[in-house]
């Protein structure tokens, strides 16, 4: 179901809800190699904000 605009439509709907609730912006973390996700976010108006550090813990 890729490249049908479904992801973009969902992201745009989420952004509208965020605006209605007074949010000043939104962000998403995505793996650099996830081309499909990057394309969907960009098509919905997201722009790169540079590099950031992500730290995590694995249990198990």
PDB file of N, CA and C in Angstrom:
ATOM      1  N   UNK A   1       0.811  -1.196   0.000  1.00  0.00           N
ATOM      2  CA  UNK A   1       0.000   0.000   0.000  1.00  0.00           C
ATOM      3  C   UNK A   1       0.856   1.262   0.000  1.00  0.00           C
ATOM      4  N   UNK A   2       2.096   1.142  -0.383  1.00  0.00           N
ATOM      5  CA  UNK A   2       2.974   2.308  -0.414  1.00  0.00           C
ATOM      6  C   UNK A   2       2.673   3.172  -1.631  1.00  0.00           C
ATOM      7  N   UNK A   3       3.001   4.455  -1.472  1.00  0.00           N
ATOM      8  CA  UNK A   3       2.905   5.439  -2.546  1.00  0.00           C
ATOM      9  C   UNK A   3       1.469   5.677  -3.010  1.00  0.00           C
ATOM     10  N   UNK A   4       0.514   5.500  -2.101  1.00  0.00           N
ATOM     11  CA  UNK A   4      -0.884   5.783  -2.409  1.00  0.00           C
ATOM     12  C   UNK A   4      -1.379   7.025  -1.666  1.00  0.00           C
ATOM     13  N   UNK A   5      -0.512   7.630  -0.853  1.00  0.00           N
ATOM     14  CA  UNK A   5      -0.906   8.821  -0.106  1.00  0.00           C
ATOM     15  C   UNK A   5      -1.552   8.548   1.234  1.00  0.00           C
ATOM     16  N   UNK A   6      -1.643   7.281   1.609  1.00  0.00           N
ATOM     17  CA  UNK A   6      -2.296   6.929   2.875  1.00  0.00           C
ATOM     18  C   UNK A   6      -1.509   7.470   4.068  1.00  0.00           C
ATOM     19  N   UNK A   7      -0.203   7.253   4.067  1.00  0.00           N
ATOM     20  CA  UNK A   7       0.634   7.746   5.161  1.00  0.00           C
ATOM     21  C   UNK A   7       0.596   9.258   5.261  1.00  0.00           C
ATOM     22  N   UNK A   8       0.714   9.934   4.124  1.00  0.00           N
ATOM     23  CA  UNK A   8       0.669  11.395   4.114  1.00  0.00           C
ATOM     24  C   UNK A   8      -0.654  11.892   4.676  1.00  0.00           C
ATOM     25  N   UNK A   9      -1.749  11.271   4.286  1.00  0.00           N
ATOM     26  CA  UNK A   9      -3.065  11.673   4.771  1.00  0.00           C
ATOM     27  C   UNK A   9      -3.158  11.508   6.290  1.00  0.00           C
ATOM     28  N   UNK A  10      -2.655  10.402   6.809  1.00  0.00           N
ATOM     29  CA  UNK A  10      -2.678  10.183   8.260  1.00  0.00           C
ATOM     30  C   UNK A  10      -1.812  11.210   8.994  1.00  0.00           C
ATOM     31  N   UNK A  11      -0.633  11.496   8.451  1.00  0.00           N
ATOM     32  CA  UNK A  11       0.264  12.469   9.074  1.00  0.00           C
ATOM     33  C   UNK A  11      -0.383  13.856   9.057  1.00  0.00           C
ATOM     34  N   UNK A  12      -0.978  14.226   7.956  1.00  0.00           N
ATOM     35  CA  UNK A  12      -1.641  15.528   7.865  1.00  0.00           C
ATOM     36  C   UNK A  12      -2.806  15.628   8.844  1.00  0.00           C
ATOM     37  N   UNK A  13      -3.544  14.534   9.029  1.00  0.00           N
ATOM     38  CA  UNK A  13      -4.648  14.528   9.992  1.00  0.00           C
ATOM     39  C   UNK A  13      -4.114  14.692  11.425  1.00  0.00           C
ATOM     40  N   UNK A  14      -3.023  14.018  11.729  1.00  0.00           N
ATOM     41  CA  UNK A  14      -2.402  14.156  13.045  1.00  0.00           C
ATOM     42  C   UNK A  14      -1.931  15.589  13.266  1.00  0.00           C
ATOM     43  N   UNK A  15      -1.326  16.197  12.256  1.00  0.00           N
ATOM     44  CA  UNK A  15      -0.863  17.582  12.361  1.00  0.00           C
ATOM     45  C   UNK A  15      -2.041  18.523  12.610  1.00  0.00           C
ATOM     46  N   UNK A  16      -3.153  18.269  11.967  1.00  0.00           N
ATOM     47  CA  UNK A  16      -4.338  19.109  12.172  1.00  0.00           C
ATOM     48  C   UNK A  16      -4.843  18.996  13.609  1.00  0.00           C
ATOM     49  N   UNK A  17      -4.887  17.791  14.148  1.00  0.00           N
ATOM     50  CA  UNK A  17      -5.294  17.595  15.545  1.00  0.00           C
ATOM     51  C   UNK A  17      -4.324  18.327  16.474  1.00  0.00           C
ATOM     52  N   UNK A  18      -3.038  18.239  16.176  1.00  0.00           N
ATOM     53  CA  UNK A  18      -2.033  18.920  17.000  1.00  0.00           C
ATOM     54  C   UNK A  18      -2.251  20.429  16.969  1.00  0.00           C
ATOM     55  N   UNK A  19      -2.495  20.980  15.800  1.00  0.00           N
ATOM     56  CA  UNK A  19      -2.746  22.426  15.686  1.00  0.00           C
ATOM     57  C   UNK A  19      -3.986  22.829  16.490  1.00  0.00           C
ATOM     58  N   UNK A  20      -5.058  22.039  16.355  1.00  0.00           N
ATOM     59  CA  UNK A  20      -6.301  22.329  17.072  1.00  0.00           C
ATOM     60  C   UNK A  20      -6.091  22.326  18.586  1.00  0.00           C
ATOM     61  N   UNK A  21      -5.157  21.524  19.051  1.00  0.00           N
ATOM     62  CA  UNK A  21      -4.896  21.422  20.494  1.00  0.00           C
ATOM     63  C   UNK A  21      -3.822  22.396  20.961  1.00  0.00           C
ATOM     64  N   UNK A  22      -3.372  23.259  20.074  1.00  0.00           N
ATOM     65  CA  UNK A  22      -2.439  24.301  20.454  1.00  0.00           C
ATOM     66  C   UNK A  22      -0.971  23.912  20.410  1.00  0.00           C
ATOM     67  N   UNK A  23      -0.648  22.794  19.805  1.00  0.00           N
ATOM     68  CA  UNK A  23       0.760  22.394  19.690  1.00  0.00           C
ATOM     69  C   UNK A  23       1.487  23.341  18.744  1.00  0.00           C
ATOM     70  N   UNK A  24       2.735  23.609  19.031  1.00  0.00           N
ATOM     71  CA  UNK A  24       3.536  24.509  18.208  1.00  0.00           C
ATOM     72  C   UNK A  24       4.320  23.763  17.137  1.00  0.00           C
ATOM     73  N   UNK A  25       4.315  22.453  17.187  1.00  0.00           N
ATOM     74  CA  UNK A  25       5.023  21.648  16.201  1.00  0.00           C
ATOM     75  C   UNK A  25       4.960  20.183  16.582  1.00  0.00           C
ATOM     76  N   UNK A  26       5.570  19.346  15.780  1.00  0.00           N
ATOM     77  CA  UNK A  26       5.662  17.926  16.100  1.00  0.00           C
ATOM     78  C   UNK A  26       6.931  17.376  15.473  1.00  0.00           C
ATOM     79  N   UNK A  27       7.366  16.247  15.963  1.00  0.00           N
ATOM     80  CA  UNK A  27       8.590  15.641  15.453  1.00  0.00           C
ATOM     81  C   UNK A  27       8.414  14.130  15.411  1.00  0.00           C
ATOM     82  N   UNK A  28       9.294  13.497  14.673  1.00  0.00           N
ATOM     83  CA  UNK A  28       9.288  12.040  14.569  1.00  0.00           C
ATOM     84  C   UNK A  28      10.728  11.565  14.437  1.00  0.00           C
ATOM     85  N   UNK A  29      11.033  10.459  15.059  1.00  0.00           N
ATOM     86  CA  UNK A  29      12.334   9.826  14.880  1.00  0.00           C
ATOM     87  C   UNK A  29      12.212   8.717  13.844  1.00  0.00           C
ATOM     88  N   UNK A  30      13.159   8.652  12.942  1.00  0.00           N
ATOM     89  CA  UNK A  30      13.107   7.638  11.878  1.00  0.00           C
ATOM     90  C   UNK A  30      14.534   7.218  11.537  1.00  0.00           C
ATOM     91  N   UNK A  31      14.704   5.956  11.243  1.00  0.00           N
ATOM     92  CA  UNK A  31      16.014   5.453  10.828  1.00  0.00           C
ATOM     93  C   UNK A  31      16.406   6.106   9.506  1.00  0.00           C
ATOM     94  N   UNK A  32      17.652   6.542   9.365  1.00  0.00           N
ATOM     95  CA  UNK A  32      18.084   7.214   8.133  1.00  0.00           C
ATOM     96  C   UNK A  32      17.862   6.379   6.867  1.00  0.00           C
ATOM     97  N   UNK A  33      17.893   5.068   6.982  1.00  0.00           N
ATOM     98  CA  UNK A  33      17.719   4.215   5.819  1.00  0.00           C
ATOM     99  C   UNK A  33      16.275   3.867   5.495  1.00  0.00           C
ATOM    100  N   UNK A  34      15.322   4.366   6.281  1.00  0.00           N
ATOM    101  CA  UNK A  34      13.909   4.054   6.057  1.00  0.00           C
ATOM    102  C   UNK A  34      13.348   5.027   5.021  1.00  0.00           C
ATOM    103  N   UNK A  35      13.630   4.746   3.771  1.00  0.00           N
ATOM    104  CA  UNK A  35      13.274   5.647   2.679  1.00  0.00           C
ATOM    105  C   UNK A  35      11.777   5.871   2.543  1.00  0.00           C
ATOM    106  N   UNK A  36      10.996   4.813   2.762  1.00  0.00           N
ATOM    107  CA  UNK A  36       9.540   4.952   2.634  1.00  0.00           C
ATOM    108  C   UNK A  36       8.993   5.926   3.679  1.00  0.00           C
ATOM    109  N   UNK A  37       9.444   5.792   4.916  1.00  0.00           N
ATOM    110  CA  UNK A  37       8.977   6.696   5.976  1.00  0.00           C
ATOM    111  C   UNK A  37       9.441   8.116   5.707  1.00  0.00           C
ATOM    112  N   UNK A  38      10.695   8.279   5.335  1.00  0.00           N
ATOM    113  CA  UNK A  38      11.211   9.615   5.045  1.00  0.00           C
ATOM    114  C   UNK A  38      10.410  10.276   3.928  1.00  0.00           C
ATOM    115  N   UNK A  39      10.090   9.524   2.899  1.00  0.00           N
ATOM    116  CA  UNK A  39       9.315  10.069   1.783  1.00  0.00           C
ATOM    117  C   UNK A  39       7.925  10.489   2.245  1.00  0.00           C
ATOM    118  N   UNK A  40       7.290   9.670   3.076  1.00  0.00           N
ATOM    119  CA  UNK A  40       5.949  10.003   3.569  1.00  0.00           C
ATOM    120  C   UNK A  40       5.988  11.265   4.416  1.00  0.00           C
ATOM    121  N   UNK A  41       6.941  11.354   5.339  1.00  0.00           N
ATOM    122  CA  UNK A  41       7.036  12.533   6.203  1.00  0.00           C
ATOM    123  C   UNK A  41       7.329  13.787   5.392  1.00  0.00           C
ATOM    124  N   UNK A  42       8.239  13.675   4.444  1.00  0.00           N
ATOM    125  CA  UNK A  42       8.579  14.842   3.620  1.00  0.00           C
ATOM    126  C   UNK A  42       7.404  15.279   2.753  1.00  0.00           C
ATOM    127  N   UNK A  43       6.664  14.314   2.231  1.00  0.00           N
ATOM    128  CA  UNK A  43       5.516  14.672   1.388  1.00  0.00           C
ATOM    129  C   UNK A  43       4.433  15.370   2.201  1.00  0.00           C
ATOM    130  N   UNK A  44       4.435  15.153   3.526  1.00  0.00           N
ATOM    131  CA  UNK A  44       3.465  15.803   4.407  1.00  0.00           C
ATOM    132  C   UNK A  44       4.006  17.120   4.967  1.00  0.00           C
ATOM    133  N   UNK A  45       5.181  17.544   4.489  1.00  0.00           N
ATOM    134  CA  UNK A  45       5.705  18.843   4.864  1.00  0.00           C
ATOM    135  C   UNK A  45       6.815  18.854   5.897  1.00  0.00           C
ATOM    136  N   UNK A  46       7.247  17.700   6.378  1.00  0.00           N
ATOM    137  CA  UNK A  46       8.330  17.657   7.363  1.00  0.00           C
ATOM    138  C   UNK A  46       9.652  18.044   6.707  1.00  0.00           C
ATOM    139  N   UNK A  47      10.502  18.681   7.480  1.00  0.00           N
ATOM    140  CA  UNK A  47      11.832  19.050   7.006  1.00  0.00           C
ATOM    141  C   UNK A  47      12.869  18.540   7.992  1.00  0.00           C
ATOM    142  N   UNK A  48      14.030  18.196   7.484  1.00  0.00           N
ATOM    143  CA  UNK A  48      15.116  17.732   8.337  1.00  0.00           C
ATOM    144  C   UNK A  48      15.562  18.819   9.295  1.00  0.00           C
ATOM    145  N   UNK A  49      15.882  18.429  10.516  1.00  0.00           N
ATOM    146  CA  UNK A  49      16.316  19.392  11.525  1.00  0.00           C
ATOM    147  C   UNK A  49      17.747  19.119  11.964  1.00  0.00           C
ATOM    148  N   UNK A  50      18.505  18.441  11.141  1.00  0.00           N
ATOM    149  CA  UNK A  50      19.893  18.172  11.475  1.00  0.00           C
ATOM    150  C   UNK A  50      20.058  16.871  12.239  1.00  0.00           C
ATOM    151  N   UNK A  51      21.227  16.699  12.779  1.00  0.00           N
ATOM    152  CA  UNK A  51      21.532  15.471  13.514  1.00  0.00           C
ATOM    153  C   UNK A  51      21.131  15.606  14.968  1.00  0.00           C
ATOM    154  N   UNK A  52      20.814  14.479  15.577  1.00  0.00           N
ATOM    155  CA  UNK A  52      20.527  14.470  16.998  1.00  0.00           C
ATOM    156  C   UNK A  52      21.032  13.170  17.588  1.00  0.00           C
ATOM    157  N   UNK A  53      21.181  13.146  18.882  1.00  0.00           N
ATOM    158  CA  UNK A  53      21.640  11.933  19.567  1.00  0.00           C
ATOM    159  C   UNK A  53      20.427  11.192  20.101  1.00  0.00           C
ATOM    160  N   UNK A  54      20.424   9.888  19.917  1.00  0.00           N
ATOM    161  CA  UNK A  54      19.388   9.066  20.487  1.00  0.00           C
ATOM    162  C   UNK A  54      20.068   8.012  21.348  1.00  0.00           C
ATOM    163  N   UNK A  55      19.681   7.944  22.578  1.00  0.00           N
ATOM    164  CA  UNK A  55      20.255   6.992  23.511  1.00  0.00           C
ATOM    165  C   UNK A  55      19.184   6.011  23.937  1.00  0.00           C
ATOM    166  N   UNK A  56      19.579   4.801  24.196  1.00  0.00           N
ATOM    167  CA  UNK A  56      18.575   3.805  24.588  1.00  0.00           C
ATOM    168  C   UNK A  56      19.180   2.720  25.453  1.00  0.00           C
ATOM    169  N   UNK A  57      18.331   1.965  26.060  1.00  0.00           N
ATOM    170  CA  UNK A  57      18.712   0.818  26.868  1.00  0.00           C
ATOM    171  C   UNK A  57      18.013  -0.406  26.334  1.00  0.00           C
ATOM    172  N   UNK A  58      18.717  -1.523  26.278  1.00  0.00           N
ATOM    173  CA  UNK A  58      18.104  -2.786  25.909  1.00  0.00           C
ATOM    174  C   UNK A  58      18.094  -3.687  27.123  1.00  0.00           C
ATOM    175  N   UNK A  59      16.981  -4.257  27.419  1.00  0.00           N
ATOM    176  CA  UNK A  59      16.841  -5.189  28.535  1.00  0.00           C
ATOM    177  C   UNK A  59      16.439  -6.543  27.984  1.00  0.00           C
ATOM    178  N   UNK A  60      17.051  -7.548  28.493  1.00  0.00           N
ATOM    179  CA  UNK A  60      16.634  -8.882  28.082  1.00  0.00           C
ATOM    180  C   UNK A  60      17.694  -9.589  27.409  1.00  0.00           C
TER     181      UNK A  60
END
